[in-house]
Amino acid sequence: MGGLLVRAPEEPSLSSIVTEEDIRVYVRQFQKSGFRGPLNWYRNMELNWQWGCKAVGWKILVPALMVTAEKDPVLVPEMSKHMEDWIPYLKRGHIKDCGHWTQMEKPTELNQILTEWLETDARDPPVVSKL
């Protein structure tokens, strides 16, 4: 049996990017609203798959940005190879020495990539999406 968390410790130490107060805020919020929202992506995976199977030959013709992180164990940068085949106006950013949570681990670097993209590629899109 394997999986993403197979080697994770039973009781992981507190992350340096999440404080105990952050944890308390999340716990209070999820006690109020539950975990339904964050899990909806997984609930809809089958429908997303079916929709994606019909998208053969489709292209995304609006500016898009893909930011990868060097040490992301979930979405390794190699998984994004060939995106340009389907997204001709794709711009890429890459953050070194960063895991999955780019906005928490390297906010300055991510904001620089986002700002540059918004000020250039996203400013005047070549076409309007019909999706």
Protein backbone atom coordinates (compact mmCIF):
# COMPACT_ATOMS: atom_id res chain seq x y z
CA MET A 1 0.00 0.00 0.00
CA GLY A 2 1.34 3.42 -0.86
CA GLY A 3 0.31 6.97 -1.42
CA LEU A 4 1.31 10.54 -0.86
CA LEU A 5 1.31 10.36 2.94
CA VAL A 6 2.75 6.86 3.35
CA ARG A 7 6.03 8.15 4.82
CA ALA A 8 4.51 11.04 6.76
CA PRO A 9 5.05 10.98 10.52
CA GLU A 10 2.12 9.95 12.72
CA GLU A 11 2.26 13.28 14.54
CA PRO A 12 3.99 15.84 12.33
CA SER A 13 5.59 18.86 13.94
CA LEU A 14 4.05 22.29 13.44
CA SER A 15 5.11 23.80 10.13
CA SER A 16 7.24 26.92 10.13
CA ILE A 17 4.74 28.53 7.74
CA VAL A 18 1.62 27.91 9.88
CA THR A 19 1.42 29.25 13.41
CA GLU A 20 -0.63 27.80 16.25
CA GLU A 21 -2.96 30.79 15.91
CA ASP A 22 -3.41 29.96 12.20
CA ILE A 23 -4.41 26.43 13.17
CA ARG A 24 -6.94 27.75 15.71
CA VAL A 25 -8.48 30.02 13.04
CA TYR A 26 -8.82 27.09 10.62
CA VAL A 27 -10.31 24.85 13.30
CA ARG A 28 -12.89 27.51 14.29
CA GLN A 29 -13.84 28.12 10.66
CA PHE A 30 -14.19 24.44 9.79
CA GLN A 31 -16.22 23.87 12.96
CA LYS A 32 -18.68 26.48 11.63
CA SER A 33 -18.82 25.55 7.96
CA GLY A 34 -17.50 22.02 7.77
CA PHE A 35 -15.03 20.74 5.23
CA ARG A 36 -17.49 20.44 2.34
CA GLY A 37 -16.12 23.32 0.26
CA PRO A 38 -12.51 22.16 0.25
CA LEU A 39 -13.62 18.61 -0.63
CA ASN A 40 -15.90 19.56 -3.55
CA TRP A 41 -13.02 19.28 -6.03
CA TYR A 42 -12.65 15.61 -5.15
CA ARG A 43 -16.42 15.02 -5.21
CA ASN A 44 -16.56 16.34 -8.76
CA MET A 45 -13.56 14.43 -10.16
CA GLU A 46 -15.67 11.98 -12.18
CA LEU A 47 -17.63 14.76 -13.91
CA ASN A 48 -14.40 16.68 -14.56
CA TRP A 49 -12.92 13.53 -16.11
CA GLN A 50 -15.97 13.03 -18.36
CA TRP A 51 -15.88 16.66 -19.46
CA GLY A 52 -12.15 16.46 -20.11
CA CYS A 53 -12.57 13.38 -22.31
CA LYS A 54 -14.86 15.40 -24.60
CA ALA A 55 -12.28 18.18 -24.88
CA VAL A 56 -10.16 16.38 -27.50
CA GLY A 57 -8.48 18.95 -29.70
CA TRP A 58 -9.74 21.89 -27.68
CA LYS A 59 -7.33 24.68 -26.90
CA ILE A 60 -7.36 27.36 -24.25
CA LEU A 61 -6.89 30.55 -26.24
CA VAL A 62 -6.62 33.10 -23.46
CA PRO A 63 -3.51 34.10 -21.54
CA ALA A 64 -2.68 31.61 -18.81
CA LEU A 65 0.02 31.32 -16.20
CA MET A 66 1.48 28.09 -14.81
CA VAL A 67 3.67 28.43 -11.74
CA THR A 68 5.60 25.33 -10.72
CA ALA A 69 7.56 24.76 -7.54
CA GLU A 70 10.84 22.88 -7.48
CA LYS A 71 10.04 20.73 -4.44
CA ASP A 72 6.29 20.24 -4.88
CA PRO A 73 5.56 16.58 -4.05
CA VAL A 74 1.97 16.83 -5.35
CA LEU A 75 2.34 18.63 -8.67
CA VAL A 76 5.88 17.94 -9.74
CA PRO A 77 7.01 20.36 -12.48
CA GLU A 78 7.40 17.51 -14.98
CA MET A 79 3.62 16.96 -14.85
CA SER A 80 3.12 20.26 -16.67
CA LYS A 81 5.16 19.29 -19.72
CA HIS A 82 3.44 19.85 -23.06
CA MET A 83 0.87 22.30 -21.66
CA GLU A 84 1.82 24.66 -24.48
CA ASP A 85 0.31 22.16 -26.94
CA TRP A 86 -3.13 22.98 -25.49
CA ILE A 87 -2.52 26.50 -24.19
CA PRO A 88 -0.67 28.52 -26.84
CA TYR A 89 -0.58 31.73 -24.75
CA LEU A 90 0.86 30.00 -21.70
CA LYS A 91 3.48 31.80 -19.65
CA ARG A 92 5.49 29.89 -17.06
CA GLY A 93 6.97 30.76 -13.73
CA HIS A 94 9.08 28.50 -11.52
CA ILE A 95 9.97 28.91 -7.86
CA LYS A 96 13.13 27.21 -6.60
CA ASP A 97 13.42 25.63 -3.18
CA CYS A 98 9.64 25.71 -2.70
CA GLY A 99 7.01 23.08 -1.94
CA HIS A 100 3.32 22.87 -2.83
CA TRP A 101 2.08 25.95 -0.95
CA THR A 102 3.84 28.64 -3.00
CA GLN A 103 1.79 31.53 -1.63
CA MET A 104 2.76 30.64 1.93
CA GLU A 105 6.30 29.41 1.39
CA LYS A 106 7.56 31.99 -1.09
CA PRO A 107 5.01 34.84 -1.24
CA THR A 108 7.47 37.45 -2.53
CA GLU A 109 8.64 35.27 -5.40
CA LEU A 110 5.09 34.22 -6.32
CA ASN A 111 3.81 37.81 -6.22
CA GLN A 112 6.64 38.91 -8.50
CA ILE A 113 5.67 36.24 -11.06
CA LEU A 114 1.96 37.10 -10.79
CA THR A 115 2.52 40.85 -11.03
CA GLU A 116 4.80 40.54 -14.05
CA TRP A 117 2.26 38.29 -15.82
CA LEU A 118 -0.68 40.59 -15.00
CA GLU A 119 1.23 43.64 -16.25
CA THR A 120 2.29 42.01 -19.52
CA ASP A 121 0.65 38.86 -20.88
CA ALA A 122 -2.73 39.23 -19.16
CA ARG A 123 -3.13 42.93 -19.94
CA ASP A 124 -4.23 42.63 -23.59
CA PRO A 125 -5.52 39.13 -24.32
CA PRO A 126 -5.35 38.18 -28.02
CA VAL A 127 -8.82 36.56 -27.95
CA VAL A 128 -11.84 36.20 -25.73
CA SER A 129 -12.68 32.79 -24.29
CA LYS A 130 -15.88 31.12 -25.46
CA LEU A 131 -15.85 28.45 -22.74
